[in-house]
Amino acid sequence: MVNSKNDLLIWLGILAVLDVIIPIPLTGLVIIYGILQRPAWFTDIVSKISSGIF
């Protein structure tokens, strides 16, 4: 079973590879989307990081 920290690292790795292949800053776009739209998954990740769970 993959925990949330490993899942986050896997997705960041996939985004990093796509960022190298496609010259569009996908990681930056995801962060901008998260800041502007504030989806539940993004706020959960931010709250876990700020509380020290990760």
PDB file of N, CA and C in Angstrom:
ATOM      1  N   MET A   1       0.842  -1.184   0.000  1.00  0.00           N
ATOM      2  CA  MET A   1       0.000   0.000   0.000  1.00  0.00           C
ATOM      3  C   MET A   1       0.884   1.244   0.000  1.00  0.00           C
ATOM      4  N   VAL A   2       0.520   2.197  -0.795  1.00  0.00           N
ATOM      5  CA  VAL A   2       1.285   3.431  -0.926  1.00  0.00           C
ATOM      6  C   VAL A   2       0.673   4.491  -0.009  1.00  0.00           C
ATOM      7  N   ASN A   3       1.511   5.068   0.869  1.00  0.00           N
ATOM      8  CA  ASN A   3       0.975   6.124   1.725  1.00  0.00           C
ATOM      9  C   ASN A   3       1.001   7.459   0.995  1.00  0.00           C
ATOM     10  N   SER A   4       0.465   8.463   1.603  1.00  0.00           N
ATOM     11  CA  SER A   4       0.291   9.750   0.928  1.00  0.00           C
ATOM     12  C   SER A   4       1.626  10.421   0.614  1.00  0.00           C
ATOM     13  N   LYS A   5       2.628  10.219   1.448  1.00  0.00           N
ATOM     14  CA  LYS A   5       3.926  10.829   1.176  1.00  0.00           C
ATOM     15  C   LYS A   5       4.561  10.210  -0.063  1.00  0.00           C
ATOM     16  N   ASN A   6       4.527   8.883  -0.154  1.00  0.00           N
ATOM     17  CA  ASN A   6       5.078   8.225  -1.333  1.00  0.00           C
ATOM     18  C   ASN A   6       4.267   8.557  -2.577  1.00  0.00           C
ATOM     19  N   ASP A   7       2.954   8.638  -2.419  1.00  0.00           N
ATOM     20  CA  ASP A   7       2.088   8.987  -3.543  1.00  0.00           C
ATOM     21  C   ASP A   7       2.426  10.387  -4.051  1.00  0.00           C
ATOM     22  N   LEU A   8       2.627  11.317  -3.141  1.00  0.00           N
ATOM     23  CA  LEU A   8       2.994  12.684  -3.518  1.00  0.00           C
ATOM     24  C   LEU A   8       4.342  12.702  -4.236  1.00  0.00           C
ATOM     25  N   LEU A   9       5.311  11.943  -3.739  1.00  0.00           N
ATOM     26  CA  LEU A   9       6.625  11.906  -4.379  1.00  0.00           C
ATOM     27  C   LEU A   9       6.555  11.279  -5.766  1.00  0.00           C
ATOM     28  N   ILE A  10       5.717  10.261  -5.933  1.00  0.00           N
ATOM     29  CA  ILE A  10       5.551   9.637  -7.248  1.00  0.00           C
ATOM     30  C   ILE A  10       4.976  10.644  -8.233  1.00  0.00           C
ATOM     31  N   TRP A  11       3.920  11.361  -7.814  1.00  0.00           N
ATOM     32  CA  TRP A  11       3.308  12.347  -8.710  1.00  0.00           C
ATOM     33  C   TRP A  11       4.259  13.488  -9.028  1.00  0.00           C
ATOM     34  N   LEU A  12       5.027  13.936  -8.056  1.00  0.00           N
ATOM     35  CA  LEU A  12       6.008  14.996  -8.326  1.00  0.00           C
ATOM     36  C   LEU A  12       7.087  14.508  -9.285  1.00  0.00           C
ATOM     37  N   GLY A  13       7.478  13.235  -9.162  1.00  0.00           N
ATOM     38  CA  GLY A  13       8.446  12.660 -10.093  1.00  0.00           C
ATOM     39  C   GLY A  13       7.902  12.592 -11.503  1.00  0.00           C
ATOM     40  N   ILE A  14       6.638  12.181 -11.637  1.00  0.00           N
ATOM     41  CA  ILE A  14       6.001  12.125 -12.953  1.00  0.00           C
ATOM     42  C   ILE A  14       5.921  13.524 -13.558  1.00  0.00           C
ATOM     43  N   LEU A  15       5.528  14.498 -12.743  1.00  0.00           N
ATOM     44  CA  LEU A  15       5.459  15.874 -13.236  1.00  0.00           C
ATOM     45  C   LEU A  15       6.839  16.395 -13.633  1.00  0.00           C
ATOM     46  N   ALA A  16       7.874  16.004 -12.899  1.00  0.00           N
ATOM     47  CA  ALA A  16       9.230  16.452 -13.232  1.00  0.00           C
ATOM     48  C   ALA A  16       9.681  15.865 -14.571  1.00  0.00           C
ATOM     49  N   VAL A  17       9.370  14.584 -14.811  1.00  0.00           N
ATOM     50  CA  VAL A  17       9.733  13.967 -16.094  1.00  0.00           C
ATOM     51  C   VAL A  17       8.973  14.632 -17.229  1.00  0.00           C
ATOM     52  N   LEU A  18       7.679  14.879 -17.032  1.00  0.00           N
ATOM     53  CA  LEU A  18       6.895  15.563 -18.062  1.00  0.00           C
ATOM     54  C   LEU A  18       7.410  16.977 -18.301  1.00  0.00           C
ATOM     55  N   ASP A  19       7.887  17.616 -17.254  1.00  0.00           N
ATOM     56  CA  ASP A  19       8.431  18.968 -17.377  1.00  0.00           C
ATOM     57  C   ASP A  19       9.700  18.977 -18.220  1.00  0.00           C
ATOM     58  N   VAL A  20      10.477  17.904 -18.147  1.00  0.00           N
ATOM     59  CA  VAL A  20      11.691  17.799 -18.961  1.00  0.00           C
ATOM     60  C   VAL A  20      11.327  17.514 -20.417  1.00  0.00           C
ATOM     61  N   ILE A  21      10.341  16.636 -20.630  1.00  0.00           N
ATOM     62  CA  ILE A  21       9.957  16.250 -21.989  1.00  0.00           C
ATOM     63  C   ILE A  21       9.190  17.371 -22.686  1.00  0.00           C
ATOM     64  N   ILE A  22       8.200  17.913 -21.994  1.00  0.00           N
ATOM     65  CA  ILE A  22       7.363  18.972 -22.553  1.00  0.00           C
ATOM     66  C   ILE A  22       7.801  20.286 -21.910  1.00  0.00           C
ATOM     67  N   PRO A  23       8.171  21.280 -22.698  1.00  0.00           N
ATOM     68  CA  PRO A  23       8.707  22.508 -22.104  1.00  0.00           C
ATOM     69  C   PRO A  23       7.642  23.441 -21.514  1.00  0.00           C
ATOM     70  N   ILE A  24       6.586  22.883 -20.986  1.00  0.00           N
ATOM     71  CA  ILE A  24       5.565  23.662 -20.290  1.00  0.00           C
ATOM     72  C   ILE A  24       5.754  23.370 -18.804  1.00  0.00           C
ATOM     73  N   PRO A  25       5.869  24.364 -17.964  1.00  0.00           N
ATOM     74  CA  PRO A  25       6.103  24.123 -16.533  1.00  0.00           C
ATOM     75  C   PRO A  25       4.847  23.559 -15.847  1.00  0.00           C
ATOM     76  N   LEU A  26       4.670  22.236 -15.953  1.00  0.00           N
ATOM     77  CA  LEU A  26       3.464  21.605 -15.409  1.00  0.00           C
ATOM     78  C   LEU A  26       3.382  21.733 -13.890  1.00  0.00           C
ATOM     79  N   THR A  27       4.505  21.615 -13.212  1.00  0.00           N
ATOM     80  CA  THR A  27       4.492  21.744 -11.761  1.00  0.00           C
ATOM     81  C   THR A  27       4.032  23.135 -11.352  1.00  0.00           C
ATOM     82  N   GLY A  28       4.518  24.126 -12.040  1.00  0.00           N
ATOM     83  CA  GLY A  28       4.090  25.498 -11.766  1.00  0.00           C
ATOM     84  C   GLY A  28       2.615  25.700 -12.043  1.00  0.00           C
ATOM     85  N   LEU A  29       2.108  25.088 -13.111  1.00  0.00           N
ATOM     86  CA  LEU A  29       0.693  25.197 -13.431  1.00  0.00           C
ATOM     87  C   LEU A  29      -0.178  24.532 -12.365  1.00  0.00           C
ATOM     88  N   VAL A  30       0.274  23.382 -11.842  1.00  0.00           N
ATOM     89  CA  VAL A  30      -0.474  22.713 -10.779  1.00  0.00           C
ATOM     90  C   VAL A  30      -0.489  23.567  -9.516  1.00  0.00           C
ATOM     91  N   ILE A  31       0.639  24.188  -9.200  1.00  0.00           N
ATOM     92  CA  ILE A  31       0.695  25.046  -8.014  1.00  0.00           C
ATOM     93  C   ILE A  31      -0.199  26.270  -8.185  1.00  0.00           C
ATOM     94  N   ILE A  32      -0.161  26.872  -9.365  1.00  0.00           N
ATOM     95  CA  ILE A  32      -1.035  28.031  -9.618  1.00  0.00           C
ATOM     96  C   ILE A  32      -2.498  27.624  -9.530  1.00  0.00           C
ATOM     97  N   TYR A  33      -2.835  26.460 -10.111  1.00  0.00           N
ATOM     98  CA  TYR A  33      -4.205  25.958 -10.015  1.00  0.00           C
ATOM     99  C   TYR A  33      -4.599  25.746  -8.553  1.00  0.00           C
ATOM    100  N   GLY A  34      -3.701  25.188  -7.775  1.00  0.00           N
ATOM    101  CA  GLY A  34      -3.986  24.932  -6.366  1.00  0.00           C
ATOM    102  C   GLY A  34      -4.183  26.213  -5.575  1.00  0.00           C
ATOM    103  N   ILE A  35      -3.423  27.228  -5.901  1.00  0.00           N
ATOM    104  CA  ILE A  35      -3.550  28.504  -5.189  1.00  0.00           C
ATOM    105  C   ILE A  35      -4.848  29.213  -5.578  1.00  0.00           C
ATOM    106  N   LEU A  36      -5.165  29.205  -6.865  1.00  0.00           N
ATOM    107  CA  LEU A  36      -6.345  29.942  -7.324  1.00  0.00           C
ATOM    108  C   LEU A  36      -7.662  29.219  -7.021  1.00  0.00           C
ATOM    109  N   GLN A  37      -7.715  27.913  -7.237  1.00  0.00           N
ATOM    110  CA  GLN A  37      -8.974  27.183  -7.089  1.00  0.00           C
ATOM    111  C   GLN A  37      -9.162  26.569  -5.698  1.00  0.00           C
ATOM    112  N   ARG A  38      -8.070  26.344  -5.002  1.00  0.00           N
ATOM    113  CA  ARG A  38      -8.070  25.736  -3.664  1.00  0.00           C
ATOM    114  C   ARG A  38      -8.911  24.466  -3.576  1.00  0.00           C
ATOM    115  N   PRO A  39      -8.554  23.437  -4.373  1.00  0.00           N
ATOM    116  CA  PRO A  39      -9.279  22.178  -4.270  1.00  0.00           C
ATOM    117  C   PRO A  39      -8.970  21.495  -2.931  1.00  0.00           C
ATOM    118  N   ALA A  40      -9.830  20.573  -2.542  1.00  0.00           N
ATOM    119  CA  ALA A  40      -9.698  19.922  -1.228  1.00  0.00           C
ATOM    120  C   ALA A  40      -8.376  19.170  -1.107  1.00  0.00           C
ATOM    121  N   TRP A  41      -7.938  18.502  -2.164  1.00  0.00           N
ATOM    122  CA  TRP A  41      -6.704  17.736  -2.087  1.00  0.00           C
ATOM    123  C   TRP A  41      -5.497  18.648  -1.885  1.00  0.00           C
ATOM    124  N   PHE A  42      -5.517  19.829  -2.460  1.00  0.00           N
ATOM    125  CA  PHE A  42      -4.394  20.749  -2.325  1.00  0.00           C
ATOM    126  C   PHE A  42      -4.322  21.320  -0.913  1.00  0.00           C
ATOM    127  N   THR A  43      -5.473  21.712  -0.382  1.00  0.00           N
ATOM    128  CA  THR A  43      -5.473  22.250   0.987  1.00  0.00           C
ATOM    129  C   THR A  43      -5.136  21.180   2.008  1.00  0.00           C
ATOM    130  N   ASP A  44      -5.496  19.924   1.738  1.00  0.00           N
ATOM    131  CA  ASP A  44      -5.109  18.827   2.636  1.00  0.00           C
ATOM    132  C   ASP A  44      -3.595  18.651   2.654  1.00  0.00           C
ATOM    133  N   ILE A  45      -2.983  18.679   1.473  1.00  0.00           N
ATOM    134  CA  ILE A  45      -1.530  18.526   1.389  1.00  0.00           C
ATOM    135  C   ILE A  45      -0.822  19.680   2.091  1.00  0.00           C
ATOM    136  N   VAL A  46      -1.295  20.894   1.861  1.00  0.00           N
ATOM    137  CA  VAL A  46      -0.675  22.065   2.484  1.00  0.00           C
ATOM    138  C   VAL A  46      -0.814  22.014   3.996  1.00  0.00           C
ATOM    139  N   SER A  47      -1.977  21.611   4.496  1.00  0.00           N
ATOM    140  CA  SER A  47      -2.170  21.545   5.951  1.00  0.00           C
ATOM    141  C   SER A  47      -1.319  20.429   6.563  1.00  0.00           C
ATOM    142  N   LYS A  48      -1.164  19.299   5.852  1.00  0.00           N
ATOM    143  CA  LYS A  48      -0.313  18.228   6.368  1.00  0.00           C
ATOM    144  C   LYS A  48       1.141  18.655   6.404  1.00  0.00           C
ATOM    145  N   ILE A  49       1.580  19.372   5.379  1.00  0.00           N
ATOM    146  CA  ILE A  49       2.971  19.842   5.360  1.00  0.00           C
ATOM    147  C   ILE A  49       3.208  20.850   6.475  1.00  0.00           C
ATOM    148  N   SER A  50       2.276  21.780   6.666  1.00  0.00           N
ATOM    149  CA  SER A  50       2.472  22.807   7.683  1.00  0.00           C
ATOM    150  C   SER A  50       2.349  22.265   9.110  1.00  0.00           C
ATOM    151  N   SER A  51       1.606  21.156   9.285  1.00  0.00           N
ATOM    152  CA  SER A  51       1.499  20.583  10.627  1.00  0.00           C
ATOM    153  C   SER A  51       2.622  19.595  10.922  1.00  0.00           C
ATOM    154  N   GLY A  52       3.431  19.274   9.932  1.00  0.00           N
ATOM    155  CA  GLY A  52       4.578  18.408  10.155  1.00  0.00           C
ATOM    156  C   GLY A  52       4.311  16.939   9.979  1.00  0.00           C
ATOM    157  N   ILE A  53       3.196  16.561   9.357  1.00  0.00           N
ATOM    158  CA  ILE A  53       2.895  15.141   9.154  1.00  0.00           C
ATOM    159  C   ILE A  53       3.812  14.556   8.087  1.00  0.00           C
ATOM    160  N   PHE A  54       4.142  15.308   7.049  1.00  0.00           N
ATOM    161  CA  PHE A  54       5.028  14.798   5.987  1.00  0.00           C
ATOM    162  C   PHE A  54       6.441  14.780   6.449  1.00  0.00           C
TER     163      PHE A  54
END
